[in-house]
Amino acid sequence: MPLTVKQILEMPELAGVKLIAGESGLDKTVESVNVMEAPDIGRWLRGGELLLSTGYQFRDNVEGFEDLIMTIHSAGAVALGFKNRFLQEFPSRAKDLANWIGLPILGLPLELPYSDIIRIVIMKTDEVENIRFSESVLRSFSEVLMEGGGIVDVLRNLAYFLKCDVCFLDERTGNSFYSIGKKFADEHSITSEHTMLEKYPHERLVLSHHAYGYFIFETKPRDATWHMVFEHAKVAMLLVLQKDIATKQVEARYRNEFMQDLVFGNIRYHEEVINRAQRFGWNLTGRLRIIVFDIDNYKTNFERPIPMKKALGLEEAKERIYSICKNEMSSAFYDLPYLTMSDFIVFIVTIDRYPNFKTKLQRCCIDIQEKIGACTGYSVSIGVGNEKRDFFGASESYNEARRAIEIMRPSIGSGHIHIWDEMGVLTVLASVADSEEAQKFFVSRLGKLTGDDVLLHTLNILVEQNWNFKAAARQLNIHYNTIHYRYEKICELSGFDLSIGENRLEMAVALRLLYLNPKLKKM
């Protein structure tokens, strides 16, 4: 509550203080108290002061009092407290001037020490009340931290002081947290982060040029205490986030060491795996598969980041990608162990609990690709290793998942899912696709067809349809006679009788080599 000059006159502790002049200015707000006798006092004032003076500098020049009144009035002083120690009475012309400009002149008892006046007035000003309020806010947030509170607890405490719902969008993880939950949670479930930031007042949480997230407010009060409360909330939130980051870093180090031992085949004993897995709440019993999410073009863009919708840094984009992968995979497959590497993340899924594992995985991967593209502008290639009987096969499944990506990405591009046991003969041919023998084999079978894309495509469809001419014609949307004509042309150009099973097999192998190594077409 602001302290006015009128309230000072009504204080029992200052019962001897009298109004000399300037009654029209009694409603002015006093923010501080100052004592000065210097002639150039105006230059030292900041506004809002009750100025205390004896008029010592005017003891031989009472006319100077008028200049003093105009000077302190222009500098923003709200009242002058005058002790009649060196003057018989307050100058009448100065009194008239004070009445005219509305500057209250207070007569102070000689026996009343300046120190008492200062103490009594200051203790009633907003400045002291703000300090008291700030201390109570600080104490409240400190209690939240000492009791082990997290992000939601900080938000609830902030909402209590601001009297409005508050949301926090964590830029590190992409997660959202709510003080109450109902309003923002319901709305955020159907609107994007960008829409929320456009619609509601918000403040970004930044420390040393590192952004942690956004505070979003249902309303944004503009009273004097708002910034005070928010500053305490920011410090508390940073401490909570730093603690969370430190805890996760320690946990991640031990988790990654364990996962590396698993996927690189460094564990020999069953009991060791079970005991170490239990520390992280993981169940590794039963059949499993390894799944790898590899960020496309990450290393090639390390020095030259591609444009991203959120203008994220490369490392920040990687963390967001990992967070999306972890959130979506954990939603689809519970108790999910994972390992983060330089540009890919590895998951172990125990598949006995998921009868429709591949269908579930396909849906999950589509969601992950869409969210990663929308949030970062990147894509990921996904490799799935073969099913293994238990965790002793984790290393082999991991190598298959990595190999699936390495084989398929160069030929069909980024952003696809590759399942090792569905790749068939490609898993064998991949190791020789770049060899001189493969080149000679391809040229001898399909070399004369590489200049005719129509015939090459027709041959590929015939192989896919197991040489069923009717099915191939339907897929190509051409007449049955046309497919026969093309087939005869293929036989003529290649020099092979494709009615013979062995020749058909060799053509299929040559097409698979081309699939793995598109450069063969140019040889």
Protein backbone atom coordinates (compact mmCIF):
# COMPACT_ATOMS: atom_id res chain seq x y z
CA MET A 1 0.00 0.00 0.00
CA PRO A 2 1.59 3.36 -1.03
CA LEU A 3 2.47 5.75 1.82
CA THR A 4 1.13 9.30 1.34
CA VAL A 5 2.22 12.56 2.97
CA LYS A 6 -1.19 12.73 4.63
CA GLN A 7 -0.65 9.33 6.28
CA ILE A 8 2.68 10.55 7.69
CA LEU A 9 0.85 13.44 9.38
CA GLU A 10 -1.62 10.93 10.86
CA MET A 11 1.04 8.61 12.35
CA PRO A 12 0.87 8.50 16.18
CA GLU A 13 4.65 8.17 16.29
CA LEU A 14 4.94 11.54 14.50
CA ALA A 15 2.24 13.35 16.46
CA GLY A 16 4.31 16.58 16.70
CA VAL A 17 4.64 16.99 12.93
CA LYS A 18 2.46 19.86 11.58
CA LEU A 19 1.47 20.95 8.07
CA ILE A 20 2.90 24.40 7.27
CA ALA A 21 1.90 24.67 3.61
CA GLY A 22 1.09 22.73 0.42
CA GLU A 23 -2.11 21.01 1.55
CA SER A 24 -3.09 20.18 -2.05
CA GLY A 25 -0.11 17.80 -2.29
CA LEU A 26 -0.96 15.60 0.70
CA ASP A 27 -1.92 12.65 -1.50
CA LYS A 28 1.56 12.38 -3.03
CA THR A 29 3.32 9.06 -2.47
CA VAL A 30 6.48 8.92 -0.38
CA GLU A 31 8.99 6.37 -1.59
CA SER A 32 12.05 7.30 0.48
CA VAL A 33 13.48 9.81 2.97
CA ASN A 34 16.58 11.95 2.45
CA VAL A 35 18.50 14.51 4.55
CA MET A 36 20.61 17.16 2.84
CA GLU A 37 21.69 20.73 3.49
CA ALA A 38 23.71 21.30 0.29
CA PRO A 39 22.69 24.21 -1.95
CA ASP A 40 22.71 21.95 -5.07
CA ILE A 41 20.54 19.33 -3.43
CA GLY A 42 18.35 18.93 -6.54
CA ARG A 43 21.02 17.04 -8.44
CA TRP A 44 21.09 14.33 -5.78
CA LEU A 45 17.35 13.58 -5.76
CA ARG A 46 15.79 10.73 -7.72
CA GLY A 47 12.12 11.57 -7.07
CA GLY A 48 9.56 10.48 -4.49
CA GLU A 49 11.56 11.76 -1.48
CA LEU A 50 10.47 13.34 1.75
CA LEU A 51 13.38 15.75 2.14
CA LEU A 52 14.43 16.76 5.68
CA SER A 53 16.22 20.07 6.21
CA THR A 54 16.98 22.70 8.87
CA GLY A 55 17.41 25.45 6.30
CA TYR A 56 20.94 26.02 7.58
CA GLN A 57 22.20 27.21 4.20
CA PHE A 58 19.50 29.92 4.16
CA ARG A 59 20.01 31.31 7.69
CA ASP A 60 21.41 34.55 6.22
CA ASN A 61 19.35 34.46 2.98
CA VAL A 62 15.71 33.55 3.59
CA GLU A 63 14.81 34.44 -0.01
CA GLY A 64 16.82 31.42 -1.10
CA PHE A 65 14.11 29.17 0.33
CA GLU A 66 11.97 29.88 -2.73
CA ASP A 67 14.70 28.59 -5.00
CA LEU A 68 15.02 25.48 -2.79
CA ILE A 69 11.29 24.76 -3.06
CA MET A 70 11.29 25.06 -6.86
CA THR A 71 14.48 23.02 -7.15
CA ILE A 72 13.30 20.04 -5.10
CA HIS A 73 9.82 20.21 -6.67
CA SER A 74 11.37 20.04 -10.16
CA ALA A 75 13.57 17.12 -9.04
CA GLY A 76 10.49 15.14 -7.95
CA ALA A 77 10.54 15.53 -4.18
CA VAL A 78 7.03 15.09 -2.72
CA ALA A 79 7.44 17.02 0.58
CA LEU A 80 9.85 19.06 2.68
CA GLY A 81 10.25 18.37 6.40
CA PHE A 82 11.49 21.60 8.07
CA LYS A 83 13.09 22.03 11.50
CA ASN A 84 12.93 25.65 12.63
CA ARG A 85 16.40 25.65 14.19
CA PHE A 86 18.11 28.48 12.31
CA LEU A 87 15.08 30.49 11.18
CA GLN A 88 12.49 32.20 13.38
CA GLU A 89 9.68 31.01 11.11
CA PHE A 90 9.19 29.56 7.68
CA PRO A 91 9.38 32.38 5.09
CA SER A 92 5.91 33.56 4.07
CA ARG A 93 6.76 33.94 0.36
CA ALA A 94 8.18 30.39 0.32
CA LYS A 95 4.98 29.23 2.03
CA ASP A 96 2.84 30.88 -0.66
CA LEU A 97 4.96 29.24 -3.36
CA ALA A 98 4.57 25.80 -1.71
CA ASN A 99 0.79 26.27 -1.59
CA TRP A 100 0.76 27.28 -5.25
CA ILE A 101 2.73 24.26 -6.54
CA GLY A 102 1.26 21.80 -4.03
CA LEU A 103 4.51 20.86 -2.25
CA PRO A 104 3.68 19.96 1.38
CA ILE A 105 5.92 21.66 3.96
CA LEU A 106 5.98 19.75 7.26
CA GLY A 107 7.05 21.41 10.48
CA LEU A 108 9.21 18.98 12.48
CA PRO A 109 9.66 19.18 16.28
CA LEU A 110 13.22 20.11 17.23
CA GLU A 111 13.40 17.26 19.74
CA LEU A 112 12.44 14.64 17.14
CA PRO A 113 15.68 13.06 15.76
CA TYR A 114 16.03 12.67 12.02
CA SER A 115 16.93 9.02 12.59
CA ASP A 116 13.51 8.36 14.19
CA ILE A 117 11.68 10.10 11.35
CA ILE A 118 13.62 8.16 8.74
CA ARG A 119 13.07 4.83 10.50
CA ILE A 120 9.35 5.37 11.06
CA VAL A 121 8.64 6.56 7.51
CA ILE A 122 10.87 4.08 5.68
CA MET A 123 9.28 1.14 7.52
CA LYS A 124 5.93 2.17 6.09
CA THR A 125 6.98 2.70 2.46
CA ASP A 126 6.37 0.30 -0.43
CA GLU A 127 10.11 -0.30 -0.71
CA VAL A 128 10.21 -2.00 2.67
CA GLU A 129 6.94 -3.82 2.00
CA ASN A 130 8.40 -5.06 -1.28
CA ILE A 131 11.50 -6.29 0.54
CA ARG A 132 9.33 -8.15 3.04
CA PHE A 133 7.22 -9.61 0.24
CA SER A 134 10.34 -10.60 -1.71
CA GLU A 135 11.70 -12.37 1.36
CA SER A 136 8.47 -14.31 1.78
CA VAL A 137 8.49 -15.31 -1.91
CA LEU A 138 12.15 -16.37 -1.66
CA ARG A 139 11.41 -18.36 1.48
CA SER A 140 8.49 -20.08 -0.25
CA PHE A 141 10.52 -21.15 -3.31
CA SER A 142 13.41 -22.19 -1.04
CA GLU A 143 11.08 -24.50 0.86
CA VAL A 144 9.96 -26.05 -2.44
CA LEU A 145 13.58 -26.78 -3.34
CA MET A 146 14.57 -28.04 0.12
CA GLU A 147 11.63 -30.45 0.08
CA GLY A 148 12.87 -31.90 -3.21
CA GLY A 149 10.21 -30.28 -5.36
CA GLY A 150 10.33 -30.50 -9.14
CA ILE A 151 9.18 -28.47 -12.12
CA VAL A 152 5.48 -28.84 -11.34
CA ASP A 153 6.00 -27.77 -7.71
CA VAL A 154 7.80 -24.60 -8.84
CA LEU A 155 4.95 -23.86 -11.26
CA ARG A 156 2.31 -24.35 -8.58
CA ASN A 157 4.14 -22.00 -6.23
CA LEU A 158 4.46 -19.42 -9.01
CA ALA A 159 0.78 -19.76 -9.89
CA TYR A 160 -0.13 -19.22 -6.22
CA PHE A 161 1.59 -15.83 -6.14
CA LEU A 162 0.50 -14.73 -9.62
CA LYS A 163 -3.08 -15.99 -9.20
CA CYS A 164 -3.13 -17.56 -12.67
CA ASP A 165 -2.39 -20.89 -14.33
CA VAL A 166 1.20 -21.35 -15.56
CA CYS A 167 2.73 -23.80 -18.06
CA PHE A 168 6.39 -24.61 -18.75
CA LEU A 169 7.55 -25.91 -22.15
CA ASP A 170 10.87 -27.71 -21.73
CA GLU A 171 12.93 -27.08 -24.88
CA ARG A 172 15.45 -29.76 -23.91
CA THR A 173 12.94 -32.60 -23.97
CA GLY A 174 9.87 -31.19 -25.71
CA ASN A 175 7.79 -31.99 -22.60
CA SER A 176 5.15 -29.69 -21.09
CA PHE A 177 4.38 -29.15 -17.39
CA TYR A 178 1.36 -27.46 -15.82
CA SER A 179 0.69 -25.71 -12.50
CA ILE A 180 -2.94 -26.84 -12.35
CA GLY A 181 -3.20 -28.75 -15.55
CA LYS A 182 -6.76 -28.45 -16.78
CA LYS A 183 -6.72 -25.35 -18.99
CA PHE A 184 -3.29 -25.58 -20.58
CA ALA A 185 -3.12 -29.38 -20.68
CA ASP A 186 -6.42 -29.67 -22.54
CA GLU A 187 -5.53 -26.90 -24.96
CA HIS A 188 -1.94 -27.99 -25.57
CA SER A 189 -3.16 -31.50 -26.43
CA ILE A 190 -4.85 -30.11 -29.56
CA THR A 191 -2.63 -27.12 -30.43
CA SER A 192 1.05 -26.77 -31.26
CA GLU A 193 3.76 -25.20 -29.13
CA HIS A 194 3.99 -22.36 -31.63
CA THR A 195 0.25 -21.64 -31.31
CA MET A 196 0.47 -21.58 -27.52
CA LEU A 197 3.31 -19.06 -27.65
CA GLU A 198 1.37 -16.86 -30.06
CA LYS A 199 -1.80 -16.94 -27.98
CA TYR A 200 -0.52 -16.45 -24.42
CA PRO A 201 1.98 -14.17 -22.65
CA HIS A 202 5.28 -15.98 -22.18
CA GLU A 203 8.85 -15.56 -20.97
CA ARG A 204 11.86 -17.57 -22.14
CA LEU A 205 14.15 -19.11 -19.53
CA VAL A 206 17.75 -18.51 -20.58
CA LEU A 207 21.05 -18.85 -18.73
CA SER A 208 24.43 -18.06 -20.31
CA HIS A 209 22.86 -18.00 -23.78
CA HIS A 210 21.43 -21.50 -23.23
CA ALA A 211 17.64 -21.72 -23.56
CA TYR A 212 15.83 -24.13 -21.26
CA GLY A 213 12.22 -23.44 -22.16
CA TYR A 214 9.23 -21.10 -21.91
CA PHE A 215 6.98 -20.01 -19.06
CA ILE A 216 3.46 -19.51 -20.48
CA PHE A 217 0.90 -17.56 -18.43
CA GLU A 218 -2.87 -17.72 -18.59
CA THR A 219 -2.80 -13.98 -17.85
CA LYS A 220 0.11 -11.68 -17.15
CA PRO A 221 -0.46 -9.28 -14.21
CA ARG A 222 1.39 -6.00 -14.47
CA ASP A 223 1.58 -4.97 -10.83
CA ALA A 224 4.84 -4.10 -9.11
CA THR A 225 5.30 -7.54 -7.55
CA TRP A 226 5.02 -9.59 -10.77
CA HIS A 227 8.66 -9.27 -11.84
CA MET A 228 9.84 -9.85 -8.29
CA VAL A 229 7.94 -13.14 -8.04
CA PHE A 230 8.99 -14.25 -11.52
CA GLU A 231 12.68 -13.61 -10.86
CA HIS A 232 12.55 -15.90 -7.82
CA ALA A 233 10.64 -18.49 -9.87
CA LYS A 234 13.28 -18.39 -12.64
CA VAL A 235 16.10 -19.03 -10.15
CA ALA A 236 14.15 -21.91 -8.58
CA MET A 237 13.35 -23.43 -11.99
CA LEU A 238 16.98 -23.20 -13.11
CA LEU A 239 18.10 -24.99 -9.95
CA VAL A 240 15.51 -27.73 -10.49
CA LEU A 241 16.51 -28.15 -14.13
CA GLN A 242 20.22 -28.16 -13.33
CA LYS A 243 19.65 -30.80 -10.67
CA ASP A 244 17.59 -32.85 -13.12
CA ILE A 245 20.26 -32.52 -15.80
CA ALA A 246 23.03 -33.54 -13.38
CA THR A 247 21.03 -36.54 -12.13
CA LYS A 248 20.23 -37.68 -15.66
CA GLN A 249 23.83 -37.26 -16.74
CA VAL A 250 25.04 -39.55 -13.95
CA GLU A 251 22.27 -42.06 -14.63
CA ALA A 252 22.91 -41.87 -18.37
CA ARG A 253 26.60 -42.60 -17.88
CA TYR A 254 25.93 -45.80 -15.92
CA ARG A 255 23.04 -46.76 -18.19
CA ASN A 256 25.11 -46.25 -21.32
CA GLU A 257 27.98 -48.30 -19.90
CA PHE A 258 25.60 -51.18 -19.23
CA MET A 259 23.94 -50.88 -22.65
CA GLN A 260 27.32 -50.75 -24.40
CA ASP A 261 28.32 -53.95 -22.64
CA LEU A 262 25.08 -55.54 -23.91
CA VAL A 263 25.13 -54.43 -27.55
CA PHE A 264 28.89 -54.92 -27.95
CA GLY A 265 28.81 -58.38 -26.38
CA ASN A 266 30.87 -57.66 -23.26
CA ILE A 267 28.64 -59.53 -20.77
CA ARG A 268 29.10 -63.23 -20.07
CA TYR A 269 26.90 -64.04 -17.08
CA HIS A 270 23.12 -64.15 -16.89
CA GLU A 271 23.00 -62.94 -13.28
CA GLU A 272 25.09 -59.87 -14.12
CA VAL A 273 22.59 -58.72 -16.74
CA ILE A 274 19.53 -59.30 -14.53
CA ASN A 275 21.03 -57.49 -11.53
CA ARG A 276 22.27 -54.50 -13.51
CA ALA A 277 18.98 -54.23 -15.44
CA GLN A 278 16.96 -54.17 -12.22
CA ARG A 279 18.78 -51.00 -11.10
CA PHE A 280 17.13 -49.18 -14.00
CA GLY A 281 13.77 -50.93 -13.72
CA TRP A 282 14.30 -52.95 -16.91
CA ASN A 283 13.03 -56.44 -17.64
CA LEU A 284 15.37 -58.16 -20.13
CA THR A 285 13.94 -61.68 -19.96
CA GLY A 286 12.67 -63.33 -23.15
CA ARG A 287 13.12 -62.68 -26.85
CA LEU A 288 14.38 -59.32 -28.01
CA ARG A 289 15.18 -57.11 -30.95
CA ILE A 290 17.54 -54.15 -31.26
CA ILE A 291 16.24 -50.98 -32.92
CA VAL A 292 18.55 -48.17 -34.06
CA PHE A 293 17.44 -44.61 -34.91
CA ASP A 294 20.26 -42.98 -36.90
CA ILE A 295 20.10 -39.21 -37.61
CA ASP A 296 20.41 -38.73 -41.37
CA ASN A 297 23.19 -36.40 -42.59
CA TYR A 298 24.16 -35.48 -39.03
CA LYS A 299 27.91 -35.72 -39.49
CA THR A 300 27.88 -33.99 -42.87
CA ASN A 301 25.93 -31.09 -41.36
CA PHE A 302 28.04 -30.74 -38.23
CA GLU A 303 29.85 -27.70 -39.61
CA ARG A 304 26.94 -26.55 -41.78
CA PRO A 305 23.56 -27.09 -40.08
CA ILE A 306 20.56 -27.44 -42.38
CA PRO A 307 17.71 -24.92 -41.95
CA MET A 308 15.40 -25.90 -39.12
CA LYS A 309 11.96 -24.63 -38.25
CA LYS A 310 12.90 -23.89 -34.67
CA ALA A 311 16.35 -22.47 -35.46
CA LEU A 312 17.88 -25.08 -33.16
CA GLY A 313 21.61 -25.59 -32.86
CA LEU A 314 22.92 -28.91 -34.08
CA GLU A 315 23.50 -30.36 -30.61
CA GLU A 316 20.15 -28.98 -29.42
CA ALA A 317 18.44 -30.60 -32.43
CA LYS A 318 20.08 -33.93 -31.59
CA GLU A 319 18.84 -33.77 -28.00
CA ARG A 320 15.34 -32.97 -29.22
CA ILE A 321 15.46 -35.92 -31.65
CA TYR A 322 16.60 -38.26 -28.89
CA SER A 323 13.87 -36.97 -26.61
CA ILE A 324 11.17 -37.59 -29.24
CA CYS A 325 12.48 -41.11 -29.88
CA LYS A 326 12.54 -41.90 -26.15
CA ASN A 327 9.09 -40.47 -25.47
CA GLU A 328 7.37 -42.20 -28.38
CA MET A 329 9.13 -45.55 -27.97
CA SER A 330 8.48 -45.56 -24.21
CA SER A 331 4.80 -44.90 -24.88
CA ALA A 332 4.59 -47.85 -27.26
CA PHE A 333 6.95 -50.25 -25.46
CA TYR A 334 7.33 -49.99 -21.68
CA ASP A 335 10.45 -50.76 -19.58
CA LEU A 336 12.56 -49.74 -22.56
CA PRO A 337 16.39 -49.74 -22.24
CA TYR A 338 18.21 -47.32 -24.54
CA LEU A 339 21.72 -46.15 -25.41
CA THR A 340 22.64 -42.76 -26.90
CA MET A 341 25.66 -42.46 -29.16
CA SER A 342 27.17 -39.60 -31.22
CA ASP A 343 24.44 -39.53 -33.88
CA PHE A 344 22.12 -42.46 -33.14
CA ILE A 345 20.08 -43.95 -30.33
CA VAL A 346 19.65 -47.68 -29.65
CA PHE A 347 16.66 -49.43 -28.03
CA ILE A 348 16.21 -53.00 -26.76
CA VAL A 349 12.63 -54.26 -27.03
CA THR A 350 11.67 -57.55 -25.35
CA ILE A 351 9.05 -58.61 -27.87
CA ASP A 352 7.21 -61.40 -26.00
CA ARG A 353 4.91 -58.76 -24.48
CA TYR A 354 3.88 -57.40 -27.89
CA PRO A 355 2.06 -59.95 -30.14
CA ASN A 356 1.77 -57.41 -33.00
CA PHE A 357 5.27 -56.06 -32.55
CA LYS A 358 6.05 -55.13 -36.18
CA THR A 359 2.70 -53.38 -36.71
CA LYS A 360 3.11 -51.47 -33.47
CA LEU A 361 6.69 -50.55 -34.37
CA GLN A 362 5.71 -49.32 -37.84
CA ARG A 363 3.07 -46.98 -36.38
CA CYS A 364 5.47 -45.73 -33.72
CA CYS A 365 8.23 -45.06 -36.28
CA ILE A 366 5.86 -43.08 -38.52
CA ASP A 367 4.90 -40.87 -35.55
CA ILE A 368 8.57 -40.38 -34.66
CA GLN A 369 9.51 -39.40 -38.21
CA GLU A 370 6.67 -36.87 -38.42
CA LYS A 371 7.49 -35.25 -35.07
CA ILE A 372 11.23 -35.10 -35.75
CA GLY A 373 10.63 -33.50 -39.14
CA ALA A 374 8.19 -30.93 -37.70
CA CYS A 375 10.39 -30.01 -34.72
CA THR A 376 13.90 -30.09 -36.19
CA GLY A 377 13.84 -30.45 -39.97
CA TYR A 378 15.89 -33.66 -39.73
CA SER A 379 14.94 -37.27 -40.48
CA VAL A 380 16.15 -40.58 -39.06
CA SER A 381 16.82 -43.92 -40.72
CA ILE A 382 15.65 -46.84 -38.61
CA GLY A 383 17.25 -50.28 -38.51
CA VAL A 384 15.67 -53.32 -36.83
CA GLY A 385 17.78 -56.36 -36.04
CA ASN A 386 16.57 -59.97 -36.11
CA GLU A 387 14.69 -61.50 -33.21
CA LYS A 388 17.03 -63.15 -30.68
CA ARG A 389 16.24 -65.72 -28.02
CA ASP A 390 17.68 -63.66 -25.15
CA PHE A 391 20.03 -60.79 -24.34
CA PHE A 392 23.10 -62.82 -25.27
CA GLY A 393 22.01 -62.21 -28.88
CA ALA A 394 21.76 -58.45 -28.40
CA SER A 395 25.14 -57.79 -30.00
CA GLU A 396 24.24 -59.72 -33.15
CA SER A 397 20.84 -58.01 -33.42
CA TYR A 398 22.51 -54.62 -32.99
CA ASN A 399 25.00 -55.34 -35.79
CA GLU A 400 22.11 -56.37 -38.05
CA ALA A 401 20.19 -53.16 -37.30
CA ARG A 402 23.24 -51.01 -38.03
CA ARG A 403 24.04 -53.01 -41.16
CA ALA A 404 20.46 -52.68 -42.42
CA ILE A 405 20.79 -48.88 -42.37
CA GLU A 406 24.26 -48.95 -43.94
CA ILE A 407 23.04 -51.20 -46.78
CA MET A 408 19.75 -49.51 -47.58
CA ARG A 409 20.31 -45.79 -47.00
CA PRO A 410 22.76 -45.25 -49.90
CA SER A 411 20.38 -46.87 -52.38
CA ILE A 412 16.89 -45.68 -51.31
CA GLY A 413 17.75 -42.56 -49.31
CA SER A 414 17.00 -41.26 -45.84
CA GLY A 415 14.03 -41.56 -43.53
CA HIS A 416 13.06 -45.23 -43.97
CA ILE A 417 12.69 -48.23 -41.68
CA HIS A 418 14.74 -51.33 -42.55
CA ILE A 419 14.00 -54.71 -40.93
CA TRP A 420 16.87 -57.15 -41.32
CA ASP A 421 14.82 -60.34 -41.67
CA GLU A 422 12.72 -58.73 -44.45
CA MET A 423 15.71 -57.70 -46.55
CA GLY A 424 16.26 -61.23 -47.89
CA VAL A 425 19.14 -61.74 -50.31
CA LEU A 426 20.18 -58.07 -49.94
CA THR A 427 21.84 -58.93 -46.64
CA VAL A 428 24.20 -61.25 -48.56
CA LEU A 429 24.69 -59.20 -51.71
CA ALA A 430 25.48 -55.99 -49.86
CA SER A 431 29.00 -57.12 -49.05
CA VAL A 432 29.86 -57.64 -52.76
CA ALA A 433 27.75 -54.98 -54.49
CA ASP A 434 30.76 -52.71 -55.01
CA SER A 435 33.14 -55.43 -56.12
CA GLU A 436 34.59 -55.90 -59.61
CA GLU A 437 32.96 -59.34 -59.83
CA ALA A 438 29.54 -57.80 -59.14
CA GLN A 439 30.12 -55.22 -61.87
CA LYS A 440 31.04 -57.92 -64.40
CA PHE A 441 28.06 -60.05 -63.41
CA PHE A 442 25.63 -57.12 -63.73
CA VAL A 443 26.98 -55.97 -67.09
CA SER A 444 26.82 -59.49 -68.52
CA ARG A 445 23.13 -59.88 -67.57
CA LEU A 446 21.62 -56.40 -67.71
CA GLY A 447 24.25 -54.22 -69.38
CA LYS A 448 22.28 -53.95 -72.65
CA LEU A 449 19.10 -52.96 -70.81
CA THR A 450 20.47 -50.06 -68.77
CA GLY A 451 19.71 -47.61 -71.57
CA ASP A 452 16.00 -48.49 -71.61
CA ASP A 453 14.28 -47.53 -68.35
CA VAL A 454 10.92 -48.92 -69.50
CA LEU A 455 12.27 -52.42 -70.12
CA LEU A 456 14.34 -52.35 -66.93
CA HIS A 457 11.28 -51.32 -64.88
CA THR A 458 9.16 -53.99 -66.59
CA LEU A 459 11.75 -56.66 -65.73
CA ASN A 460 11.77 -55.52 -62.12
CA ILE A 461 7.96 -55.80 -61.88
CA LEU A 462 8.02 -59.27 -63.47
CA VAL A 463 10.52 -60.40 -60.83
CA GLU A 464 8.42 -58.86 -58.04
CA GLN A 465 5.32 -60.66 -59.37
CA ASN A 466 7.21 -63.97 -59.65
CA TRP A 467 6.99 -63.82 -63.43
CA ASN A 468 3.19 -63.71 -63.41
CA PHE A 469 2.43 -61.82 -66.63
CA LYS A 470 -1.18 -60.96 -65.77
CA ALA A 471 -0.24 -59.58 -62.33
CA ALA A 472 2.67 -57.59 -63.81
CA ALA A 473 0.41 -56.13 -66.55
CA ARG A 474 -2.12 -55.03 -63.92
CA GLN A 475 0.56 -53.38 -61.81
CA LEU A 476 2.02 -51.57 -64.84
CA ASN A 477 -1.49 -50.73 -66.09
CA ILE A 478 -0.71 -52.04 -69.59
CA HIS A 479 -2.27 -54.66 -71.91
CA TYR A 480 -1.37 -58.33 -71.47
CA ASN A 481 0.05 -58.45 -75.02
CA THR A 482 2.27 -55.45 -74.26
CA ILE A 483 3.92 -57.19 -71.33
CA HIS A 484 4.62 -60.19 -73.57
CA TYR A 485 6.16 -57.93 -76.20
CA ARG A 486 8.40 -56.27 -73.60
CA TYR A 487 9.36 -59.68 -72.18
CA GLU A 488 10.49 -60.91 -75.60
CA LYS A 489 12.44 -57.70 -76.14
CA ILE A 490 14.20 -58.19 -72.78
CA CYS A 491 15.17 -61.74 -73.75
CA GLU A 492 16.42 -60.54 -77.13
CA LEU A 493 18.58 -57.70 -75.77
CA SER A 494 19.98 -59.61 -72.79
CA GLY A 495 20.62 -62.78 -74.78
CA PHE A 496 19.04 -64.97 -72.09
CA ASP A 497 16.11 -67.35 -72.33
CA LEU A 498 14.10 -66.23 -69.30
CA SER A 499 11.83 -69.24 -69.40
CA ILE A 500 14.70 -71.07 -67.70
CA GLY A 501 14.58 -70.85 -63.90
CA GLU A 502 18.31 -70.36 -63.40
CA ASN A 503 18.36 -67.42 -65.85
CA ARG A 504 15.44 -65.83 -64.06
CA LEU A 505 17.29 -66.18 -60.74
CA GLU A 506 20.39 -64.51 -62.18
CA MET A 507 18.29 -61.60 -63.50
CA ALA A 508 16.76 -61.17 -60.04
CA VAL A 509 20.23 -61.11 -58.47
CA ALA A 510 21.45 -58.54 -61.02
CA LEU A 511 18.46 -56.30 -60.20
CA ARG A 512 19.21 -56.57 -56.48
CA LEU A 513 22.82 -55.58 -57.12
CA LEU A 514 21.56 -52.52 -59.01
CA TYR A 515 19.26 -51.71 -56.09
CA LEU A 516 22.24 -51.77 -53.72
CA ASN A 517 24.63 -49.97 -56.09
CA PRO A 518 22.85 -47.60 -58.53
CA LYS A 519 26.25 -46.71 -60.04
CA LEU A 520 26.18 -50.04 -61.91
CA LYS A 521 23.66 -48.57 -64.33
CA LYS A 522 26.27 -46.08 -65.58
CA MET A 523 28.97 -48.67 -66.28
